Amino acid sequence: QVQLVESGGGLVQAGGSLRLSCAGSGTIYSFNHMAWYRQAPGKQRELVASITTGGSTNYADSIKDRFTISRDNRKNTVYLQMNSLKPEDTAVYHCYAEVWIPPLRYWGQGTQVTVSS
C-alpha cells in the first residue's frame, strides 16, 4: 500500500521557519509530480508548490520568495522549506504525489502548521 507520510509541522512565531518533509513508500514507481497543498479552516485546499522529477517548480503567488520546494528522487521524498512565515500561512499542509504511467494519485494525511502573531 502506497503511503505518503508528512513531518515537520508545528507551532512557530511569525517570521520563523519550518521545513516539511513527505516520504513516499510502498510503490515501485517514481513519482513524476509531487506537490504541497494547504487548507486553512473554512477555506478550500490550495496549491502551495509543485515539482517534477526533472526539477521544474511552480509556486503560489502568496508564498513566492518565502517557500522553496525540493525533492530527492531516489527516496521519493519532497520537502518544503518555509521561511518568513506569516499567520496567514496557518493551515494543514498536505503532500500530493502523482504517477503518470499508469495514472496514479496519492495524498498524505496532512501536517498542521500554526504561525502565531
Protein backbone atom coordinates (compact mmCIF):
# COMPACT_ATOMS: atom_id res chain seq x y z
CA GLN A 1 0.00 0.00 0.00
CA VAL A 2 1.36 3.37 -1.01
CA GLN A 3 1.81 5.86 1.79
CA LEU A 4 2.85 9.50 1.91
CA VAL A 5 4.00 10.44 5.38
CA GLU A 6 4.46 14.11 6.21
CA SER A 7 6.50 15.51 9.07
CA GLY A 8 7.92 18.80 10.24
CA GLY A 9 4.80 20.77 11.06
CA GLY A 10 4.32 22.61 14.31
CA LEU A 11 3.87 25.95 16.03
CA VAL A 12 6.15 28.83 15.14
CA GLN A 13 6.15 32.58 15.64
CA ALA A 14 5.67 34.94 12.73
CA GLY A 15 8.95 35.41 10.89
CA GLY A 16 10.14 31.94 11.79
CA SER A 17 10.89 28.92 9.63
CA LEU A 18 9.78 25.33 9.29
CA ARG A 19 10.80 22.51 6.97
CA LEU A 20 8.20 19.97 5.92
CA SER A 21 9.10 16.53 4.61
CA CYS A 22 6.97 13.97 2.82
CA ALA A 23 8.28 10.47 2.25
CA GLY A 24 6.62 8.09 -0.15
CA SER A 25 6.73 4.36 0.36
CA GLY A 26 5.11 1.14 -0.85
CA THR A 27 5.39 1.86 -4.58
CA ILE A 28 7.54 0.56 -7.39
CA TYR A 29 7.01 3.76 -9.35
CA SER A 30 8.83 7.05 -9.11
CA PHE A 31 6.52 9.97 -8.59
CA ASN A 32 6.57 12.14 -11.69
CA HIS A 33 4.98 15.06 -9.92
CA MET A 34 4.98 15.98 -6.23
CA ALA A 35 3.38 18.94 -4.54
CA TRP A 36 2.30 20.60 -1.34
CA TYR A 37 -1.23 21.82 -0.82
CA ARG A 38 -2.69 23.54 2.20
CA GLN A 39 -6.12 24.01 3.66
CA ALA A 40 -6.97 26.63 6.23
CA PRO A 41 -10.15 26.42 8.33
CA GLY A 42 -13.18 27.37 6.28
CA LYS A 43 -11.18 27.63 3.05
CA GLN A 44 -10.64 25.44 0.03
CA ARG A 45 -7.50 23.41 -0.39
CA GLU A 46 -4.97 25.35 -2.46
CA LEU A 47 -1.74 24.53 -4.23
CA VAL A 48 1.34 25.86 -2.47
CA ALA A 49 4.15 24.50 -4.64
CA SER A 50 4.89 21.66 -7.00
CA ILE A 51 7.93 19.98 -8.52
CA THR A 52 8.54 17.44 -11.26
CA THR A 53 11.15 14.71 -11.43
CA GLY A 54 13.21 16.99 -13.62
CA GLY A 55 13.11 19.78 -11.06
CA SER A 56 10.62 22.14 -12.68
CA THR A 57 8.83 24.07 -9.97
CA ASN A 58 5.67 26.10 -9.60
CA TYR A 59 4.69 28.33 -6.68
CA ALA A 60 1.60 30.10 -5.50
CA ASP A 61 1.99 33.87 -5.62
CA SER A 62 1.27 34.18 -1.91
CA ILE A 63 4.40 32.24 -0.92
CA LYS A 64 6.87 33.08 -3.68
CA ASP A 65 10.32 34.12 -2.40
CA ARG A 66 9.48 32.69 1.04
CA PHE A 67 8.99 28.96 0.40
CA THR A 68 11.21 26.55 -1.53
CA ILE A 69 10.19 23.11 -2.73
CA SER A 70 12.76 20.41 -3.42
CA ARG A 71 12.86 16.66 -3.77
CA ASP A 72 15.05 13.60 -3.54
CA ASN A 73 14.05 11.38 -6.43
CA ARG A 74 15.90 8.35 -5.09
CA LYS A 75 13.85 8.49 -1.92
CA ASN A 76 10.53 9.58 -3.46
CA THR A 77 10.63 12.41 -0.93
CA VAL A 78 9.61 16.04 -1.26
CA TYR A 79 10.47 18.94 1.04
CA LEU A 80 9.06 22.39 1.65
CA GLN A 81 11.32 24.96 3.28
CA MET A 82 9.15 27.72 4.68
CA ASN A 83 10.77 30.98 5.73
CA SER A 84 9.38 34.31 6.90
CA LEU A 85 6.19 32.59 7.98
CA LYS A 86 3.06 34.67 8.44
CA PRO A 87 -0.09 33.98 10.46
CA GLU A 88 -1.98 33.56 7.18
CA ASP A 89 0.23 30.56 6.40
CA THR A 90 -1.54 28.68 9.19
CA ALA A 91 -3.14 25.59 7.66
CA VAL A 92 -2.96 21.84 7.35
CA TYR A 93 -0.32 21.08 4.74
CA HIS A 94 -0.87 18.03 2.57
CA CYS A 95 1.61 16.20 0.40
CA TYR A 96 0.48 15.07 -3.05
CA ALA A 97 2.17 12.67 -5.46
CA GLU A 98 1.34 11.60 -8.96
CA VAL A 99 2.48 8.85 -11.29
CA TRP A 100 1.73 9.49 -14.96
CA ILE A 101 2.02 5.97 -16.36
CA PRO A 102 -0.03 4.29 -15.04
CA PRO A 103 -2.09 7.22 -13.80
CA LEU A 104 -1.99 7.16 -10.02
CA ARG A 105 -2.56 9.86 -7.42
CA TYR A 106 -1.86 9.89 -3.71
CA TRP A 107 -2.43 12.23 -0.76
CA GLY A 108 -0.76 12.38 2.61
CA GLN A 109 -2.74 12.73 5.82
CA GLY A 110 -1.55 16.28 6.43
CA THR A 111 0.57 18.10 8.97
CA GLN A 112 -0.55 21.15 10.94
CA VAL A 113 1.39 24.39 10.62
CA THR A 114 0.41 27.16 13.02
CA VAL A 115 2.01 30.59 12.88
CA SER A 116 1.39 32.87 15.84
CA SER A 117 1.49 36.64 15.56
